[in-house]
Amino acid sequence: MTMKNRFGMFIHWGIYAIPAFHEQALARADWPYEQYEALKDQFNPVNYDPRAWVKTAKDAGMEYICFTAKHHDGFCMWDTKETDYNIMHTPYGRDVLKELSDACREAGMRLSIYYSNPDWYNEYAYNAASSHQWKAKYPERADHEKYLSFVKAQVKELLTNYGPIYTFFWDIPPMIDDPSVNDYLRSLQPDILINDRGYDKGDFSTPERTVPDGERFPNNTEACQSVGEQSWGYREKEDYYSAHHLMASIDKIMAMGGSYLLNVGPRADGTFPPEAERLVLRVGDWYNRVRDALQDTTPDSRGCKVAGGAKYVAVEKNGKTYLHFYAGLTSTAVTLEAPEAVPVRARLLNSGEELPIRYEVLPCKNDSDAVARKPYASVWKIPVDDYPAEPLVIELEW
């Protein structure tokens, strides 16, 4: 099944937003179970407005939202009948996933579901073959068959009560090969796309907080990154990535044909941290200007090469070549390597402005005897200093 490359929003939200430390606060702060589980009785996100979340995502050019239905702590953010450890047994007492699903459907936003395989609350969930088992509450009661029955019952709720689900994001591979599990998901929603962190290789891979080398992904890929360096859930003293770092990652991943999930961790009251929202919208402002060169492209068939050491990915769409300089440029010109490659028009997508093209002998573009003889095409007068924090994308028409 082919996956269209899209820009999406990841949302890590749960009772861990109350201590504002990390989404794995139970383990990483080594809290006693009783103290952590008591957060359920405090969780009351009175300012939760899923339409505001969806609006931010749409304003940033995003086309889907992936929501953490259950993280490693085992707390469930929907009206599940399989455990009382869920959002309906908090002071808030409302199904936040249902409200998000409704808001997404109203706005034409796709909805995806994240589901953690580790579960530090369920008595049967401990899995010695997997990772992230540090805080499993009852390792001595491990029973894979009983836990898998619980998982399937919860998956059935998620895939039958919340409308069409775009992708299903298993987290932490269980290291158990059982294709029947993903087959079960597809029996509930035949068009769903499933990642590679579940019970088989699924439909797409999921590089996390990394930007792989290369110019094209060989398979369906969805990379994910958070706006914060320390946490995916809300962290009060977060260290935020620079807009340039995030844009550069998105530019390269999507130019390579991948999708990209950019994560925000809402606060305990249900609102996005202002710093995170500003960062998402700043990234989105750039993305909306260059998105035509990021979606539905193919590798450049002309073999367009740029002279010098600039880092770039070349793609094409509708007969045009797009050069993605994800790390920026060091000068105001881009010279094409082949003397016969002469575009008729060039445009900087960051601004929409047309750029001049010169075709002439360049004094530092030497031939074998160190004498400049052949003319080369250059796109020049590129306003690099007007966009110091943005990857530059140049469109070439032939």
Protein backbone atom coordinates (compact mmCIF):
# COMPACT_ATOMS: atom_id res chain seq x y z
CA MET A 1 0.00 0.00 0.00
CA THR A 2 1.49 3.34 -1.04
CA MET A 3 1.56 6.12 1.54
CA LYS A 4 1.19 9.71 0.36
CA ASN A 5 3.79 11.90 2.03
CA ARG A 6 2.14 14.40 4.35
CA PHE A 7 2.96 16.81 7.17
CA GLY A 8 1.20 15.97 10.41
CA MET A 9 0.96 16.84 14.09
CA PHE A 10 1.86 14.36 16.82
CA ILE A 11 0.18 15.02 20.18
CA HIS A 12 1.47 13.45 23.40
CA TRP A 13 -1.06 14.16 26.13
CA GLY A 14 -1.98 12.39 29.32
CA ILE A 15 -1.92 12.71 33.10
CA TYR A 16 1.86 13.11 32.83
CA ALA A 17 1.17 16.71 31.79
CA ILE A 18 0.41 17.52 35.44
CA PRO A 19 3.98 17.07 36.79
CA ALA A 20 5.22 18.67 33.53
CA PHE A 21 8.44 16.64 33.56
CA HIS A 22 8.27 13.98 30.83
CA GLU A 23 5.74 11.61 29.29
CA GLN A 24 7.56 8.78 31.07
CA ALA A 25 7.60 10.62 34.40
CA LEU A 26 6.56 7.48 36.29
CA ALA A 27 9.84 5.83 35.27
CA ARG A 28 12.23 8.71 34.67
CA ALA A 29 11.38 10.50 37.88
CA ASP A 30 10.96 7.12 39.60
CA TRP A 31 7.65 8.01 41.19
CA PRO A 32 5.86 5.55 43.49
CA TYR A 33 2.91 3.98 41.66
CA GLU A 34 0.38 5.32 44.14
CA GLN A 35 1.64 8.88 43.77
CA TYR A 36 1.60 8.75 39.98
CA GLU A 37 -1.74 7.00 39.62
CA ALA A 38 -3.32 9.61 41.92
CA LEU A 39 -2.75 12.14 39.14
CA LYS A 40 -5.88 10.69 37.57
CA ASP A 41 -7.91 12.33 40.32
CA GLN A 42 -6.41 15.73 39.48
CA PHE A 43 -6.70 15.67 35.71
CA ASN A 44 -9.25 18.30 34.69
CA PRO A 45 -8.33 19.99 31.38
CA VAL A 46 -11.03 22.65 31.52
CA ASN A 47 -9.47 24.64 28.67
CA TYR A 48 -9.31 21.73 26.25
CA ASP A 49 -10.59 22.86 22.85
CA PRO A 50 -9.89 20.31 20.13
CA ARG A 51 -11.02 22.75 17.45
CA ALA A 52 -8.22 25.10 18.51
CA TRP A 53 -5.74 22.21 18.18
CA VAL A 54 -7.04 21.39 14.71
CA LYS A 55 -6.90 25.04 13.67
CA THR A 56 -3.25 25.31 14.69
CA ALA A 57 -2.45 22.17 12.76
CA LYS A 58 -4.29 23.38 9.65
CA ASP A 59 -2.71 26.83 9.85
CA ALA A 60 0.67 25.11 9.84
CA GLY A 61 -0.23 23.16 6.68
CA MET A 62 -0.69 19.85 8.48
CA GLU A 63 -3.10 17.27 7.12
CA TYR A 64 -3.41 14.79 9.98
CA ILE A 65 -3.14 14.52 13.75
CA CYS A 66 -1.74 11.46 15.54
CA PHE A 67 -3.01 11.29 19.13
CA THR A 68 -1.59 9.24 22.00
CA ALA A 69 -4.56 7.13 23.04
CA LYS A 70 -2.43 5.21 25.55
CA HIS A 71 1.20 5.79 26.50
CA HIS A 72 3.52 3.55 28.52
CA ASP A 73 1.86 4.50 31.81
CA GLY A 74 -1.26 2.63 30.69
CA PHE A 75 -3.61 5.57 31.24
CA CYS A 76 -6.23 5.64 28.48
CA MET A 77 -7.40 8.91 26.93
CA TRP A 78 -10.72 7.53 25.65
CA ASP A 79 -13.88 5.90 26.97
CA THR A 80 -12.54 2.35 27.17
CA LYS A 81 -14.52 -0.43 28.79
CA GLU A 82 -11.40 -2.53 29.38
CA THR A 83 -10.00 -0.60 32.37
CA ASP A 84 -11.12 2.09 34.79
CA TYR A 85 -7.74 3.75 34.42
CA ASN A 86 -9.04 6.19 31.84
CA ILE A 87 -10.19 9.73 31.13
CA MET A 88 -13.81 9.00 32.11
CA HIS A 89 -12.70 8.42 35.71
CA THR A 90 -11.10 11.84 36.13
CA PRO A 91 -12.70 15.11 37.27
CA TYR A 92 -13.01 15.97 33.57
CA GLY A 93 -14.97 12.82 32.79
CA ARG A 94 -15.29 13.34 29.03
CA ASP A 95 -13.96 11.38 26.09
CA VAL A 96 -11.27 13.71 24.75
CA LEU A 97 -10.52 11.40 21.82
CA LYS A 98 -14.15 11.51 20.70
CA GLU A 99 -14.11 15.30 20.86
CA LEU A 100 -10.88 15.41 18.85
CA SER A 101 -12.28 12.95 16.33
CA ASP A 102 -15.36 15.15 15.84
CA ALA A 103 -13.22 18.28 15.44
CA CYS A 104 -10.99 16.58 12.89
CA ARG A 105 -13.94 15.34 10.88
CA GLU A 106 -15.54 18.80 10.84
CA ALA A 107 -12.32 20.35 9.52
CA GLY A 108 -11.38 17.63 7.03
CA MET A 109 -8.37 16.66 9.13
CA ARG A 110 -7.27 13.02 9.16
CA LEU A 111 -6.95 11.32 12.55
CA SER A 112 -4.31 8.77 13.51
CA ILE A 113 -3.95 6.76 16.70
CA TYR A 114 -0.83 6.08 18.79
CA TYR A 115 -0.93 3.04 21.09
CA SER A 116 1.87 1.90 23.41
CA ASN A 117 2.70 -1.80 23.62
CA PRO A 118 4.39 -1.40 27.03
CA ASP A 119 1.77 -0.84 29.69
CA TRP A 120 2.99 -0.17 33.23
CA TYR A 121 -0.49 -0.50 34.73
CA ASN A 122 -1.97 -3.63 33.17
CA GLU A 123 -1.19 -6.65 35.32
CA TYR A 124 -0.40 -8.98 32.39
CA ALA A 125 1.61 -6.60 30.18
CA TYR A 126 5.23 -7.24 31.21
CA ASN A 127 7.26 -8.42 28.21
CA ALA A 128 10.82 -9.51 28.92
CA ALA A 129 11.58 -9.65 25.19
CA SER A 130 10.87 -5.95 24.67
CA SER A 131 12.20 -2.63 25.99
CA HIS A 132 10.66 0.15 28.12
CA GLN A 133 9.50 -2.37 30.70
CA TRP A 134 11.18 -0.58 33.62
CA LYS A 135 8.04 0.31 35.51
CA ALA A 136 5.83 -2.67 34.72
CA LYS A 137 3.79 -3.02 37.88
CA TYR A 138 3.45 -6.80 38.00
CA PRO A 139 6.30 -8.48 36.12
CA GLU A 140 5.60 -11.75 37.89
CA ARG A 141 2.09 -11.88 36.33
CA ALA A 142 3.24 -11.61 32.71
CA ASP A 143 0.81 -13.35 30.41
CA HIS A 144 1.11 -12.51 26.74
CA GLU A 145 -2.14 -14.13 25.66
CA LYS A 146 -4.19 -12.32 28.29
CA TYR A 147 -2.52 -9.00 27.53
CA LEU A 148 -2.96 -9.43 23.78
CA SER A 149 -6.66 -10.11 24.35
CA PHE A 150 -6.84 -6.81 26.26
CA VAL A 151 -4.96 -4.99 23.47
CA LYS A 152 -7.26 -6.34 20.77
CA ALA A 153 -10.34 -5.35 22.74
CA GLN A 154 -8.99 -1.81 23.08
CA VAL A 155 -7.98 -1.65 19.43
CA LYS A 156 -11.51 -2.67 18.48
CA GLU A 157 -12.85 0.29 20.46
CA LEU A 158 -10.40 2.68 18.85
CA LEU A 159 -11.08 1.47 15.32
CA THR A 160 -14.87 1.25 15.54
CA ASN A 161 -15.93 4.22 17.69
CA TYR A 162 -13.94 7.15 16.26
CA GLY A 163 -14.54 7.17 12.53
CA PRO A 164 -11.94 6.51 9.82
CA ILE A 165 -8.42 6.23 11.22
CA TYR A 166 -5.61 7.21 8.84
CA THR A 167 -2.63 5.50 10.49
CA PHE A 168 -2.05 3.33 13.54
CA PHE A 169 1.18 4.04 15.42
CA TRP A 170 2.25 1.13 17.59
CA ASP A 171 5.09 2.13 19.91
CA ILE A 172 7.96 -0.04 21.18
CA PRO A 173 8.17 -3.28 19.18
CA PRO A 174 7.05 -6.24 21.31
CA MET A 175 9.63 -8.43 19.57
CA ILE A 176 6.86 -10.93 18.89
CA ASP A 177 6.08 -11.84 15.30
CA ASP A 178 2.33 -12.21 14.91
CA PRO A 179 0.95 -10.82 11.62
CA SER A 180 -2.57 -11.75 12.73
CA VAL A 181 -2.60 -8.68 14.98
CA ASN A 182 -2.24 -6.20 12.12
CA ASP A 183 -4.59 -8.36 10.06
CA TYR A 184 -7.14 -7.81 12.81
CA LEU A 185 -6.66 -4.02 12.57
CA ARG A 186 -7.21 -4.18 8.81
CA SER A 187 -10.35 -6.26 9.28
CA LEU A 188 -11.75 -3.33 11.27
CA GLN A 189 -10.46 -0.60 8.93
CA PRO A 190 -9.25 -1.97 5.57
CA ASP A 191 -7.66 1.32 4.44
CA ILE A 192 -5.61 1.90 7.57
CA LEU A 193 -1.82 2.26 7.36
CA ILE A 194 0.16 0.61 10.18
CA ASN A 195 3.70 1.38 11.29
CA ASP A 196 6.62 -0.97 11.88
CA ARG A 197 6.69 -0.95 15.69
CA GLY A 198 4.01 -3.59 16.18
CA TYR A 199 3.74 -7.31 15.61
CA ASP A 200 5.11 -7.30 12.04
CA LYS A 201 6.87 -4.87 9.70
CA GLY A 202 3.63 -3.04 8.88
CA ASP A 203 3.27 -0.52 6.08
CA PHE A 204 5.81 2.18 6.94
CA SER A 205 9.00 2.79 8.88
CA THR A 206 9.37 5.38 11.65
CA PRO A 207 12.76 7.09 12.12
CA GLU A 208 12.60 9.09 15.35
CA ARG A 209 14.54 12.30 16.06
CA THR A 210 16.91 11.48 13.19
CA VAL A 211 17.34 12.50 9.56
CA PRO A 212 18.62 9.51 7.55
CA ASP A 213 21.24 9.87 4.84
CA GLY A 214 20.33 9.51 1.20
CA GLU A 215 18.11 11.16 -1.39
CA ARG A 216 15.08 8.85 -1.42
CA PHE A 217 13.47 6.45 0.99
CA PRO A 218 13.16 2.95 -0.49
CA ASN A 219 9.92 2.31 1.42
CA ASN A 220 7.01 4.22 2.97
CA THR A 221 8.40 6.34 5.79
CA GLU A 222 7.02 8.60 8.51
CA ALA A 223 9.64 10.42 10.55
CA CYS A 224 8.75 11.96 13.90
CA GLN A 225 10.27 14.71 16.00
CA SER A 226 9.13 16.83 18.93
CA VAL A 227 9.39 20.60 19.24
CA GLY A 228 11.15 19.93 22.55
CA GLU A 229 14.55 18.34 22.96
CA GLN A 230 13.84 16.77 26.34
CA SER A 231 10.28 15.48 26.18
CA TRP A 232 7.36 14.56 23.95
CA GLY A 233 4.82 15.30 26.65
CA TYR A 234 4.52 18.75 28.18
CA ARG A 235 7.66 19.83 30.03
CA GLU A 236 7.53 23.11 31.91
CA LYS A 237 11.25 23.82 31.49
CA GLU A 238 11.55 22.50 27.98
CA ASP A 239 14.56 23.07 25.74
CA TYR A 240 13.01 23.91 22.38
CA TYR A 241 14.64 23.14 19.05
CA SER A 242 15.37 26.02 16.74
CA ALA A 243 12.96 26.65 13.89
CA HIS A 244 15.86 26.12 11.49
CA HIS A 245 16.63 22.67 12.88
CA LEU A 246 13.02 21.56 12.54
CA MET A 247 12.55 23.05 9.07
CA ALA A 248 15.78 21.49 7.82
CA SER A 249 14.66 18.08 9.10
CA ILE A 250 11.22 18.40 7.54
CA ASP A 251 12.65 19.62 4.24
CA LYS A 252 15.04 16.70 3.84
CA ILE A 253 12.65 14.01 5.08
CA MET A 254 9.80 15.14 2.85
CA ALA A 255 12.03 15.78 -0.16
CA MET A 256 13.12 12.15 0.28
CA GLY A 257 9.47 11.14 -0.05
CA GLY A 258 8.64 10.69 3.63
CA SER A 259 5.88 12.00 5.85
CA TYR A 260 6.73 14.04 8.93
CA LEU A 261 5.06 14.17 12.34
CA LEU A 262 5.94 17.21 14.45
CA ASN A 263 4.97 16.72 18.07
CA VAL A 264 3.47 19.09 20.64
CA GLY A 265 2.76 18.18 24.26
CA PRO A 266 -0.31 20.06 25.56
CA ARG A 267 -0.39 21.38 29.11
CA ALA A 268 -2.54 19.80 31.80
CA ASP A 269 -5.31 22.35 31.17
CA GLY A 270 -5.59 21.23 27.54
CA THR A 271 -3.84 24.16 25.84
CA PHE A 272 -0.67 24.17 23.78
CA PRO A 273 2.33 25.82 25.45
CA PRO A 274 2.66 29.27 23.80
CA GLU A 275 6.32 28.64 22.90
CA ALA A 276 5.43 25.37 21.19
CA GLU A 277 2.51 26.85 19.29
CA ARG A 278 4.62 29.78 18.06
CA LEU A 279 7.27 27.33 16.87
CA VAL A 280 4.76 25.15 15.04
CA LEU A 281 3.24 28.17 13.31
CA ARG A 282 6.69 29.54 12.41
CA VAL A 283 7.60 26.22 10.82
CA GLY A 284 4.19 26.09 9.16
CA ASP A 285 4.64 29.54 7.65
CA TRP A 286 7.73 28.26 5.82
CA TYR A 287 6.09 24.95 4.96
CA ASN A 288 3.04 26.56 3.40
CA ARG A 289 5.28 28.58 1.09
CA VAL A 290 7.28 25.58 -0.17
CA ARG A 291 4.83 22.68 0.25
CA ASP A 292 4.23 22.27 -3.49
CA ALA A 293 7.84 21.13 -3.79
CA LEU A 294 7.53 18.67 -0.90
CA GLN A 295 4.41 16.66 -1.68
CA ASP A 296 3.94 14.20 -4.55
CA THR A 297 7.41 14.69 -5.99
CA THR A 298 9.65 12.08 -7.61
CA PRO A 299 13.44 11.88 -7.84
CA ASP A 300 14.86 14.31 -10.38
CA SER A 301 15.06 12.46 -13.70
CA ARG A 302 17.39 15.05 -15.27
CA GLY A 303 20.17 14.26 -12.85
CA CYS A 304 20.46 17.95 -12.04
CA LYS A 305 23.69 18.52 -10.11
CA VAL A 306 24.87 21.58 -8.21
CA ALA A 307 28.54 22.53 -8.19
CA GLY A 308 30.30 23.01 -4.87
CA GLY A 309 29.59 21.49 -1.49
CA ALA A 310 26.02 22.59 -0.81
CA LYS A 311 23.81 19.93 0.75
CA TYR A 312 20.63 19.43 -1.23
CA VAL A 313 18.03 17.00 -2.53
CA ALA A 314 16.79 17.34 -6.12
CA VAL A 315 13.23 16.28 -6.96
CA GLU A 316 10.80 16.93 -9.78
CA LYS A 317 7.10 17.53 -10.23
CA ASN A 318 5.10 18.48 -13.33
CA GLY A 319 8.27 18.76 -15.39
CA LYS A 320 9.98 21.17 -12.99
CA THR A 321 13.03 20.50 -10.85
CA TYR A 322 13.09 21.54 -7.20
CA LEU A 323 16.37 21.95 -5.37
CA HIS A 324 15.99 21.63 -1.61
CA PHE A 325 18.91 23.23 0.18
CA TYR A 326 17.91 21.89 3.58
CA ALA A 327 21.07 23.17 5.27
CA GLY A 328 20.88 26.59 3.62
CA LEU A 329 23.28 28.23 1.20
CA THR A 330 26.64 29.89 1.77
CA SER A 331 26.48 32.26 -1.19
CA THR A 332 24.03 34.15 -3.36
CA ALA A 333 24.43 31.84 -6.37
CA VAL A 334 23.81 28.22 -7.32
CA THR A 335 25.80 26.92 -10.29
CA LEU A 336 24.71 23.84 -12.17
CA GLU A 337 27.40 21.23 -12.75
CA ALA A 338 26.64 20.32 -16.37
CA PRO A 339 27.40 23.03 -18.95
CA GLU A 340 24.44 21.93 -21.08
CA ALA A 341 21.93 22.28 -18.22
CA VAL A 342 20.34 25.69 -18.74
CA PRO A 343 16.93 26.34 -17.16
CA VAL A 344 14.70 28.97 -18.73
CA ARG A 345 13.27 30.17 -15.43
CA ALA A 346 14.13 30.02 -11.73
CA ARG A 347 12.05 30.91 -8.70
CA LEU A 348 12.71 30.99 -4.97
CA LEU A 349 9.70 29.34 -3.37
CA ASN A 350 10.43 30.89 0.04
CA SER A 351 9.38 34.26 -1.36
CA GLY A 352 7.82 33.39 -4.72
CA GLU A 353 10.22 35.78 -6.47
CA GLU A 354 11.80 35.04 -9.81
CA LEU A 355 15.58 34.76 -9.79
CA PRO A 356 17.89 35.76 -12.64
CA ILE A 357 19.79 33.10 -14.57
CA ARG A 358 23.18 33.80 -16.09
CA TYR A 359 25.00 31.58 -18.60
CA GLU A 360 28.63 32.52 -18.83
CA VAL A 361 32.21 31.50 -18.23
CA LEU A 362 32.97 31.60 -14.51
CA PRO A 363 36.55 32.39 -13.45
CA CYS A 364 36.58 29.77 -10.69
CA LYS A 365 34.89 27.04 -12.72
CA ASN A 366 38.02 25.62 -14.30
CA ASP A 367 38.49 22.95 -16.93
CA SER A 368 41.33 20.42 -16.99
CA ASP A 369 44.12 22.96 -17.57
CA ALA A 370 42.80 25.29 -14.85
CA VAL A 371 41.57 27.71 -17.49
CA ALA A 372 37.92 28.75 -17.43
CA ARG A 373 36.60 27.91 -20.91
CA LYS A 374 33.00 26.65 -20.80
CA PRO A 375 29.94 28.64 -19.81
CA TYR A 376 27.77 27.35 -16.98
CA ALA A 377 24.29 28.26 -15.88
CA SER A 378 23.90 29.87 -12.48
CA VAL A 379 20.91 30.99 -10.54
CA TRP A 380 22.14 34.13 -8.84
CA LYS A 381 21.16 37.10 -6.71
CA ILE A 382 19.55 34.66 -4.27
CA PRO A 383 18.57 36.65 -1.14
CA VAL A 384 20.14 34.16 1.25
CA ASP A 385 20.45 36.63 4.12
CA ASP A 386 16.72 37.37 4.00
CA TYR A 387 16.04 33.77 5.08
CA PRO A 388 18.83 32.83 7.52
CA ALA A 389 16.65 30.33 9.44
CA GLU A 390 14.96 28.65 6.48
CA PRO A 391 15.91 25.87 4.09
CA LEU A 392 15.86 27.41 0.62
CA VAL A 393 13.89 25.77 -2.19
CA ILE A 394 14.57 26.76 -5.79
CA GLU A 395 12.25 25.84 -8.64
CA LEU A 396 13.78 25.35 -12.08
CA GLU A 397 11.73 25.35 -15.26
CA TRP A 398 13.26 23.90 -18.42
